[in-house]
Amino acid sequence: MPIKQIDYGSKEYDQMVQLRYEILRNPLKLSFKKEELEKEKHDILIGAFEEDKMLGCCILKRVDKTCVRLRQMAVQNNLQGKGIGASMMNFAENLARDHGYKKIMMHARKTAIGFYEKLGYNVTGKEFTEVSIPHFVMEKKLRFID
C-alpha cells in the first residue's frame, strides 16, 4: 500500500476531498466551502492508495516553525482497523520531521482518542465541540533520530 504526498488540485486531491466528504462531513450533514479547500494549497497532503484508489488520507498544516497540525484524517469505513491509519500517521510524522517540525498537534474527535493514544499522542486540554461533535486537543513531540 503506497503512501505518498499528493498535489493540490490533482485527481488524487479530488479523491481526497471525496473521501473526506464521505467519512467526515456527510455523516454530520456538512459540506466543504470553496474557500476552505483553497486554503489547503499550502498544506502537506497525504494519501494511501491501492492501485489508483485512495484508501485513506490526512493533511498537515503549518502552525508555526516547530509545530504542524494534523487535519482531516480519514480511512474508508470498510478498511478501518486494518493498519492504514497507523501507517499514514507514521508517514506523516516522518514527513513532518523531515520538514523540521518538532511537534504534531490535532483536534481529535472523541471517538478517535484511543487510536491516537496508541500512537503516542496525549490529550492536552479539555473537551470542546467542533463541527457539532466532541473533540480534544492532542499532541506528540517528534523524536529526532541521530
N, C-alpha and C. Protein backbone atom coordinates (compact mmCIF):
# COMPACT_ATOMS: atom_id res chain seq x y z
N MET A 1 0.83 -1.18 0.00
CA MET A 1 0.00 0.00 0.00
C MET A 1 0.88 1.25 0.00
N PRO A 2 1.03 1.86 -1.15
CA PRO A 2 1.84 3.08 -1.20
C PRO A 2 1.16 4.25 -0.48
N ILE A 3 1.96 4.99 0.27
CA ILE A 3 1.51 6.23 0.90
C ILE A 3 2.40 7.32 0.33
N LYS A 4 1.78 8.40 -0.13
CA LYS A 4 2.58 9.44 -0.78
C LYS A 4 1.97 10.81 -0.56
N GLN A 5 2.81 11.81 -0.77
CA GLN A 5 2.35 13.19 -0.75
C GLN A 5 1.66 13.44 -2.08
N ILE A 6 0.53 14.14 -2.04
CA ILE A 6 -0.19 14.41 -3.28
C ILE A 6 -0.27 15.91 -3.53
N ASP A 7 -0.55 16.28 -4.76
CA ASP A 7 -0.59 17.68 -5.16
C ASP A 7 -2.00 18.24 -5.08
N TYR A 8 -2.09 19.46 -4.57
CA TYR A 8 -3.35 20.18 -4.54
C TYR A 8 -3.86 20.33 -5.98
N GLY A 9 -5.15 20.08 -6.17
CA GLY A 9 -5.75 20.24 -7.49
C GLY A 9 -5.62 19.05 -8.42
N SER A 10 -4.89 18.00 -8.00
CA SER A 10 -4.69 16.82 -8.84
C SER A 10 -5.90 15.90 -8.75
N LYS A 11 -5.92 14.84 -9.58
CA LYS A 11 -7.02 13.87 -9.49
C LYS A 11 -6.98 13.15 -8.13
N GLU A 12 -5.78 12.95 -7.58
CA GLU A 12 -5.67 12.35 -6.24
C GLU A 12 -6.28 13.28 -5.19
N TYR A 13 -6.07 14.58 -5.36
CA TYR A 13 -6.67 15.55 -4.43
C TYR A 13 -8.20 15.49 -4.52
N ASP A 14 -8.73 15.37 -5.72
CA ASP A 14 -10.18 15.25 -5.88
C ASP A 14 -10.70 14.01 -5.13
N GLN A 15 -9.96 12.91 -5.22
CA GLN A 15 -10.33 11.70 -4.47
C GLN A 15 -10.29 11.96 -2.96
N MET A 16 -9.28 12.72 -2.54
CA MET A 16 -9.13 13.04 -1.12
C MET A 16 -10.34 13.83 -0.62
N VAL A 17 -10.75 14.84 -1.37
CA VAL A 17 -11.91 15.66 -0.97
C VAL A 17 -13.15 14.77 -0.90
N GLN A 18 -13.32 13.88 -1.86
CA GLN A 18 -14.48 12.99 -1.87
C GLN A 18 -14.47 12.04 -0.66
N LEU A 19 -13.32 11.46 -0.36
CA LEU A 19 -13.21 10.55 0.78
C LEU A 19 -13.50 11.28 2.09
N ARG A 20 -12.93 12.47 2.25
CA ARG A 20 -13.17 13.26 3.45
C ARG A 20 -14.65 13.63 3.57
N TYR A 21 -15.27 13.93 2.46
CA TYR A 21 -16.71 14.24 2.48
C TYR A 21 -17.51 13.03 2.96
N GLU A 22 -17.22 11.88 2.37
CA GLU A 22 -17.98 10.65 2.71
C GLU A 22 -17.80 10.24 4.18
N ILE A 23 -16.56 10.31 4.68
CA ILE A 23 -16.26 9.80 6.02
C ILE A 23 -16.48 10.84 7.11
N LEU A 24 -16.07 12.08 6.85
CA LEU A 24 -16.06 13.09 7.91
C LEU A 24 -17.21 14.09 7.86
N ARG A 25 -17.60 14.50 6.68
CA ARG A 25 -18.56 15.59 6.56
C ARG A 25 -20.00 15.14 6.39
N ASN A 26 -20.27 14.28 5.42
CA ASN A 26 -21.64 13.87 5.12
C ASN A 26 -22.38 13.30 6.34
N PRO A 27 -21.74 12.45 7.17
CA PRO A 27 -22.46 11.94 8.35
C PRO A 27 -22.93 13.04 9.30
N LEU A 28 -22.27 14.21 9.25
CA LEU A 28 -22.64 15.35 10.10
C LEU A 28 -23.49 16.36 9.33
N LYS A 29 -23.87 16.00 8.11
CA LYS A 29 -24.66 16.88 7.23
C LYS A 29 -23.90 18.17 6.93
N LEU A 30 -22.58 18.05 6.74
CA LEU A 30 -21.74 19.19 6.42
C LEU A 30 -21.14 19.00 5.03
N SER A 31 -20.73 20.12 4.43
CA SER A 31 -20.05 20.04 3.14
C SER A 31 -18.79 20.91 3.22
N PHE A 32 -18.07 21.02 2.12
CA PHE A 32 -16.89 21.86 2.05
C PHE A 32 -17.24 23.16 1.34
N LYS A 33 -16.66 24.25 1.83
CA LYS A 33 -16.78 25.53 1.14
C LYS A 33 -15.55 25.69 0.25
N LYS A 34 -15.72 26.33 -0.89
CA LYS A 34 -14.62 26.53 -1.83
C LYS A 34 -13.43 27.23 -1.15
N GLU A 35 -13.72 28.24 -0.34
CA GLU A 35 -12.65 29.00 0.34
C GLU A 35 -11.87 28.10 1.31
N GLU A 36 -12.58 27.18 1.95
CA GLU A 36 -11.95 26.25 2.88
C GLU A 36 -10.95 25.35 2.14
N LEU A 37 -11.35 24.83 0.99
CA LEU A 37 -10.47 23.95 0.21
C LEU A 37 -9.30 24.73 -0.39
N GLU A 38 -9.52 25.97 -0.78
CA GLU A 38 -8.43 26.78 -1.36
C GLU A 38 -7.29 26.98 -0.37
N LYS A 39 -7.60 27.01 0.93
CA LYS A 39 -6.56 27.19 1.95
C LYS A 39 -5.62 25.99 2.02
N GLU A 40 -6.02 24.85 1.45
CA GLU A 40 -5.20 23.64 1.53
C GLU A 40 -4.06 23.61 0.52
N LYS A 41 -3.99 24.58 -0.37
CA LYS A 41 -2.95 24.55 -1.41
C LYS A 41 -1.54 24.67 -0.84
N HIS A 42 -1.42 25.17 0.39
CA HIS A 42 -0.09 25.30 1.02
C HIS A 42 0.17 24.21 2.04
N ASP A 43 -0.77 23.30 2.22
CA ASP A 43 -0.64 22.22 3.20
C ASP A 43 0.08 21.01 2.61
N ILE A 44 0.51 20.11 3.49
CA ILE A 44 1.09 18.83 3.07
C ILE A 44 -0.06 17.83 3.00
N LEU A 45 -0.35 17.34 1.81
CA LEU A 45 -1.49 16.45 1.56
C LEU A 45 -0.97 15.03 1.39
N ILE A 46 -1.56 14.08 2.13
CA ILE A 46 -1.07 12.71 2.17
C ILE A 46 -2.19 11.74 1.83
N GLY A 47 -1.88 10.77 0.97
CA GLY A 47 -2.87 9.75 0.62
C GLY A 47 -2.27 8.36 0.64
N ALA A 48 -3.09 7.38 1.03
CA ALA A 48 -2.73 5.96 0.98
C ALA A 48 -3.54 5.35 -0.16
N PHE A 49 -2.87 4.56 -0.98
CA PHE A 49 -3.50 4.07 -2.21
C PHE A 49 -3.37 2.56 -2.37
N GLU A 50 -4.31 2.01 -3.12
CA GLU A 50 -4.21 0.66 -3.67
C GLU A 50 -4.51 0.85 -5.14
N GLU A 51 -3.49 0.61 -5.99
CA GLU A 51 -3.59 0.96 -7.42
C GLU A 51 -3.85 2.47 -7.46
N ASP A 52 -4.95 2.90 -8.11
CA ASP A 52 -5.27 4.33 -8.19
C ASP A 52 -6.35 4.74 -7.22
N LYS A 53 -6.77 3.83 -6.35
CA LYS A 53 -7.89 4.09 -5.44
C LYS A 53 -7.38 4.55 -4.07
N MET A 54 -7.88 5.69 -3.60
CA MET A 54 -7.47 6.20 -2.30
C MET A 54 -8.15 5.43 -1.18
N LEU A 55 -7.33 4.91 -0.25
CA LEU A 55 -7.84 4.17 0.90
C LEU A 55 -7.98 5.05 2.13
N GLY A 56 -7.11 6.05 2.23
CA GLY A 56 -7.11 6.94 3.37
C GLY A 56 -6.34 8.21 3.06
N CYS A 57 -6.52 9.22 3.91
CA CYS A 57 -5.84 10.49 3.67
C CYS A 57 -5.73 11.28 4.97
N CYS A 58 -4.86 12.27 4.95
CA CYS A 58 -4.75 13.24 6.04
C CYS A 58 -3.99 14.46 5.52
N ILE A 59 -4.01 15.52 6.31
CA ILE A 59 -3.39 16.79 5.93
C ILE A 59 -2.52 17.26 7.09
N LEU A 60 -1.37 17.82 6.76
CA LEU A 60 -0.54 18.50 7.75
C LEU A 60 -0.53 19.99 7.41
N LYS A 61 -0.93 20.81 8.37
CA LYS A 61 -0.99 22.26 8.20
C LYS A 61 -0.01 22.92 9.16
N ARG A 62 0.81 23.81 8.65
CA ARG A 62 1.80 24.51 9.48
C ARG A 62 1.09 25.37 10.52
N VAL A 63 1.51 25.22 11.77
CA VAL A 63 1.03 26.08 12.86
C VAL A 63 2.06 27.19 13.08
N ASP A 64 3.31 26.78 13.25
CA ASP A 64 4.44 27.70 13.36
C ASP A 64 5.70 26.95 12.93
N LYS A 65 6.88 27.52 13.16
CA LYS A 65 8.08 26.88 12.63
C LYS A 65 8.42 25.54 13.29
N THR A 66 7.83 25.25 14.46
CA THR A 66 8.14 23.99 15.14
C THR A 66 6.97 23.01 15.20
N CYS A 67 5.77 23.47 14.86
CA CYS A 67 4.58 22.64 15.06
C CYS A 67 3.71 22.59 13.79
N VAL A 68 3.19 21.39 13.54
CA VAL A 68 2.28 21.18 12.42
C VAL A 68 1.01 20.55 12.98
N ARG A 69 -0.12 20.86 12.35
CA ARG A 69 -1.41 20.32 12.81
C ARG A 69 -1.91 19.25 11.85
N LEU A 70 -2.24 18.09 12.39
CA LEU A 70 -2.85 17.02 11.60
C LEU A 70 -4.34 17.34 11.46
N ARG A 71 -4.84 17.26 10.25
CA ARG A 71 -6.26 17.54 9.97
C ARG A 71 -6.83 16.48 9.04
N GLN A 72 -8.16 16.34 9.10
CA GLN A 72 -8.92 15.61 8.10
C GLN A 72 -8.40 14.19 7.84
N MET A 73 -8.10 13.47 8.93
CA MET A 73 -7.68 12.08 8.83
C MET A 73 -8.92 11.23 8.51
N ALA A 74 -8.85 10.48 7.43
CA ALA A 74 -10.00 9.65 7.03
C ALA A 74 -9.51 8.37 6.38
N VAL A 75 -10.16 7.25 6.73
CA VAL A 75 -9.91 5.95 6.10
C VAL A 75 -11.26 5.39 5.71
N GLN A 76 -11.33 4.77 4.55
CA GLN A 76 -12.59 4.18 4.10
C GLN A 76 -13.18 3.31 5.20
N ASN A 77 -14.49 3.43 5.41
CA ASN A 77 -15.16 2.72 6.51
C ASN A 77 -14.86 1.23 6.55
N ASN A 78 -14.90 0.56 5.41
CA ASN A 78 -14.71 -0.90 5.38
C ASN A 78 -13.25 -1.30 5.62
N LEU A 79 -12.34 -0.32 5.70
CA LEU A 79 -10.91 -0.63 5.89
C LEU A 79 -10.37 -0.14 7.23
N GLN A 80 -11.22 0.47 8.05
CA GLN A 80 -10.75 0.96 9.34
C GLN A 80 -10.38 -0.22 10.23
N GLY A 81 -9.31 -0.04 11.01
CA GLY A 81 -8.83 -1.10 11.90
C GLY A 81 -7.87 -2.06 11.24
N LYS A 82 -7.45 -1.77 10.01
CA LYS A 82 -6.54 -2.66 9.26
C LYS A 82 -5.12 -2.10 9.15
N GLY A 83 -4.81 -1.05 9.92
CA GLY A 83 -3.45 -0.51 9.94
C GLY A 83 -3.17 0.62 8.96
N ILE A 84 -4.15 0.99 8.15
CA ILE A 84 -3.93 2.06 7.17
C ILE A 84 -3.70 3.39 7.88
N GLY A 85 -4.55 3.69 8.87
CA GLY A 85 -4.40 4.94 9.62
C GLY A 85 -3.06 5.02 10.34
N ALA A 86 -2.66 3.94 10.98
CA ALA A 86 -1.37 3.92 11.69
C ALA A 86 -0.21 4.11 10.72
N SER A 87 -0.29 3.47 9.55
CA SER A 87 0.76 3.63 8.54
C SER A 87 0.82 5.07 8.03
N MET A 88 -0.34 5.67 7.82
CA MET A 88 -0.37 7.07 7.37
C MET A 88 0.19 8.00 8.45
N MET A 89 -0.11 7.71 9.72
CA MET A 89 0.42 8.54 10.81
C MET A 89 1.94 8.45 10.87
N ASN A 90 2.47 7.25 10.70
CA ASN A 90 3.92 7.07 10.68
C ASN A 90 4.54 7.88 9.54
N PHE A 91 3.93 7.80 8.36
CA PHE A 91 4.41 8.56 7.19
C PHE A 91 4.34 10.06 7.48
N ALA A 92 3.20 10.51 8.04
CA ALA A 92 3.01 11.93 8.34
C ALA A 92 4.05 12.43 9.35
N GLU A 93 4.31 11.62 10.38
CA GLU A 93 5.30 12.01 11.39
C GLU A 93 6.69 12.12 10.77
N ASN A 94 7.06 11.17 9.93
CA ASN A 94 8.37 11.22 9.27
C ASN A 94 8.47 12.43 8.35
N LEU A 95 7.41 12.72 7.63
CA LEU A 95 7.40 13.87 6.73
C LEU A 95 7.51 15.17 7.53
N ALA A 96 6.78 15.26 8.63
CA ALA A 96 6.85 16.45 9.49
C ALA A 96 8.27 16.63 10.03
N ARG A 97 8.86 15.53 10.48
CA ARG A 97 10.23 15.56 10.99
C ARG A 97 11.20 16.02 9.90
N ASP A 98 11.01 15.48 8.68
CA ASP A 98 11.87 15.87 7.55
C ASP A 98 11.76 17.36 7.23
N HIS A 99 10.60 17.95 7.51
CA HIS A 99 10.40 19.38 7.28
C HIS A 99 10.85 20.23 8.48
N GLY A 100 11.41 19.58 9.51
CA GLY A 100 11.96 20.30 10.65
C GLY A 100 10.99 20.57 11.78
N TYR A 101 9.78 20.03 11.70
CA TYR A 101 8.81 20.24 12.79
C TYR A 101 9.17 19.35 13.98
N LYS A 102 8.90 19.86 15.17
CA LYS A 102 9.23 19.15 16.40
C LYS A 102 7.99 18.57 17.10
N LYS A 103 6.81 18.99 16.65
CA LYS A 103 5.58 18.56 17.32
C LYS A 103 4.43 18.50 16.31
N ILE A 104 3.55 17.51 16.52
CA ILE A 104 2.29 17.42 15.78
C ILE A 104 1.17 17.59 16.79
N MET A 105 0.21 18.44 16.46
CA MET A 105 -0.98 18.59 17.30
C MET A 105 -2.21 18.37 16.42
N MET A 106 -3.35 18.18 17.06
CA MET A 106 -4.58 17.97 16.31
C MET A 106 -5.78 18.25 17.20
N HIS A 107 -6.92 18.42 16.54
CA HIS A 107 -8.22 18.42 17.20
C HIS A 107 -8.80 17.05 16.89
N ALA A 108 -8.70 16.13 17.84
CA ALA A 108 -9.12 14.74 17.61
C ALA A 108 -10.57 14.54 18.05
N ARG A 109 -11.33 13.86 17.21
CA ARG A 109 -12.68 13.50 17.61
C ARG A 109 -12.59 12.58 18.83
N LYS A 110 -13.53 12.76 19.75
CA LYS A 110 -13.54 11.96 20.98
C LYS A 110 -13.50 10.46 20.66
N THR A 111 -14.18 10.06 19.59
CA THR A 111 -14.24 8.64 19.22
C THR A 111 -12.89 8.11 18.73
N ALA A 112 -11.94 9.00 18.40
CA ALA A 112 -10.65 8.57 17.87
C ALA A 112 -9.51 8.67 18.89
N ILE A 113 -9.81 9.11 20.10
CA ILE A 113 -8.77 9.32 21.12
C ILE A 113 -7.92 8.06 21.33
N GLY A 114 -8.56 6.91 21.48
CA GLY A 114 -7.83 5.66 21.72
C GLY A 114 -6.85 5.33 20.61
N PHE A 115 -7.26 5.56 19.37
CA PHE A 115 -6.38 5.32 18.21
C PHE A 115 -5.11 6.16 18.33
N TYR A 116 -5.28 7.45 18.58
CA TYR A 116 -4.11 8.34 18.66
C TYR A 116 -3.26 8.06 19.90
N GLU A 117 -3.90 7.70 21.01
CA GLU A 117 -3.12 7.38 22.22
C GLU A 117 -2.20 6.19 21.98
N LYS A 118 -2.66 5.19 21.23
CA LYS A 118 -1.81 4.02 20.92
C LYS A 118 -0.57 4.43 20.12
N LEU A 119 -0.66 5.56 19.42
CA LEU A 119 0.45 6.05 18.60
C LEU A 119 1.31 7.07 19.35
N GLY A 120 1.04 7.24 20.64
CA GLY A 120 1.89 8.11 21.45
C GLY A 120 1.40 9.53 21.61
N TYR A 121 0.19 9.84 21.19
CA TYR A 121 -0.36 11.19 21.34
C TYR A 121 -1.02 11.33 22.70
N ASN A 122 -0.97 12.54 23.25
CA ASN A 122 -1.55 12.82 24.57
C ASN A 122 -2.60 13.92 24.47
N VAL A 123 -3.67 13.75 25.23
CA VAL A 123 -4.68 14.81 25.34
C VAL A 123 -4.07 15.94 26.15
N THR A 124 -4.22 17.18 25.66
CA THR A 124 -3.60 18.32 26.35
C THR A 124 -4.60 19.37 26.79
N GLY A 125 -5.88 19.11 26.60
CA GLY A 125 -6.86 20.12 27.01
C GLY A 125 -8.20 19.49 27.32
N LYS A 126 -9.15 20.33 27.64
CA LYS A 126 -10.50 19.89 27.96
C LYS A 126 -11.30 19.63 26.69
N GLU A 127 -12.33 18.82 26.83
CA GLU A 127 -13.22 18.52 25.72
C GLU A 127 -13.87 19.81 25.20
N PHE A 128 -14.01 19.92 23.88
CA PHE A 128 -14.70 21.06 23.26
C PHE A 128 -15.50 20.54 22.07
N THR A 129 -16.41 21.35 21.60
CA THR A 129 -17.25 20.96 20.47
C THR A 129 -16.76 21.66 19.21
N GLU A 130 -16.57 20.86 18.16
CA GLU A 130 -16.19 21.37 16.84
C GLU A 130 -16.99 20.57 15.82
N VAL A 131 -17.47 21.21 14.80
CA VAL A 131 -18.37 20.60 13.81
C VAL A 131 -19.44 19.74 14.48
N SER A 132 -19.97 20.25 15.55
CA SER A 132 -21.11 19.69 16.31
C SER A 132 -20.81 18.42 17.11
N ILE A 133 -19.55 18.00 17.20
CA ILE A 133 -19.22 16.79 17.97
C ILE A 133 -18.03 17.04 18.91
N PRO A 134 -17.90 16.21 19.98
CA PRO A 134 -16.82 16.41 20.96
C PRO A 134 -15.43 16.11 20.39
N HIS A 135 -14.49 17.00 20.72
CA HIS A 135 -13.08 16.89 20.32
C HIS A 135 -12.19 17.16 21.52
N PHE A 136 -10.92 16.75 21.37
CA PHE A 136 -9.87 17.09 22.33
C PHE A 136 -8.64 17.51 21.54
N VAL A 137 -7.87 18.46 22.10
CA VAL A 137 -6.56 18.76 21.53
C VAL A 137 -5.63 17.65 21.97
N MET A 138 -4.87 17.11 21.02
CA MET A 138 -3.87 16.08 21.31
C MET A 138 -2.57 16.52 20.67
N GLU A 139 -1.46 16.07 21.23
CA GLU A 139 -0.16 16.38 20.62
C GLU A 139 0.87 15.31 20.93
N LYS A 140 1.92 15.37 20.13
CA LYS A 140 3.04 14.43 20.28
C LYS A 140 4.31 15.16 19.87
N LYS A 141 5.32 15.06 20.71
CA LYS A 141 6.64 15.59 20.34
C LYS A 141 7.31 14.57 19.44
N LEU A 142 7.88 15.04 18.36
CA LEU A 142 8.55 14.14 17.41
C LEU A 142 9.98 13.91 17.86
N ARG A 143 10.38 12.67 17.87
CA ARG A 143 11.75 12.31 18.25
C ARG A 143 12.63 12.33 17.01
N PHE A 144 13.77 12.96 17.15
CA PHE A 144 14.72 13.00 16.03
C PHE A 144 15.77 11.92 16.26
N ILE A 145 15.99 11.14 15.22
CA ILE A 145 16.94 10.04 15.31
C ILE A 145 18.28 10.53 14.76
N ASP A 146 19.34 10.38 15.56
CA ASP A 146 20.68 10.81 15.14
C ASP A 146 21.31 9.82 14.20
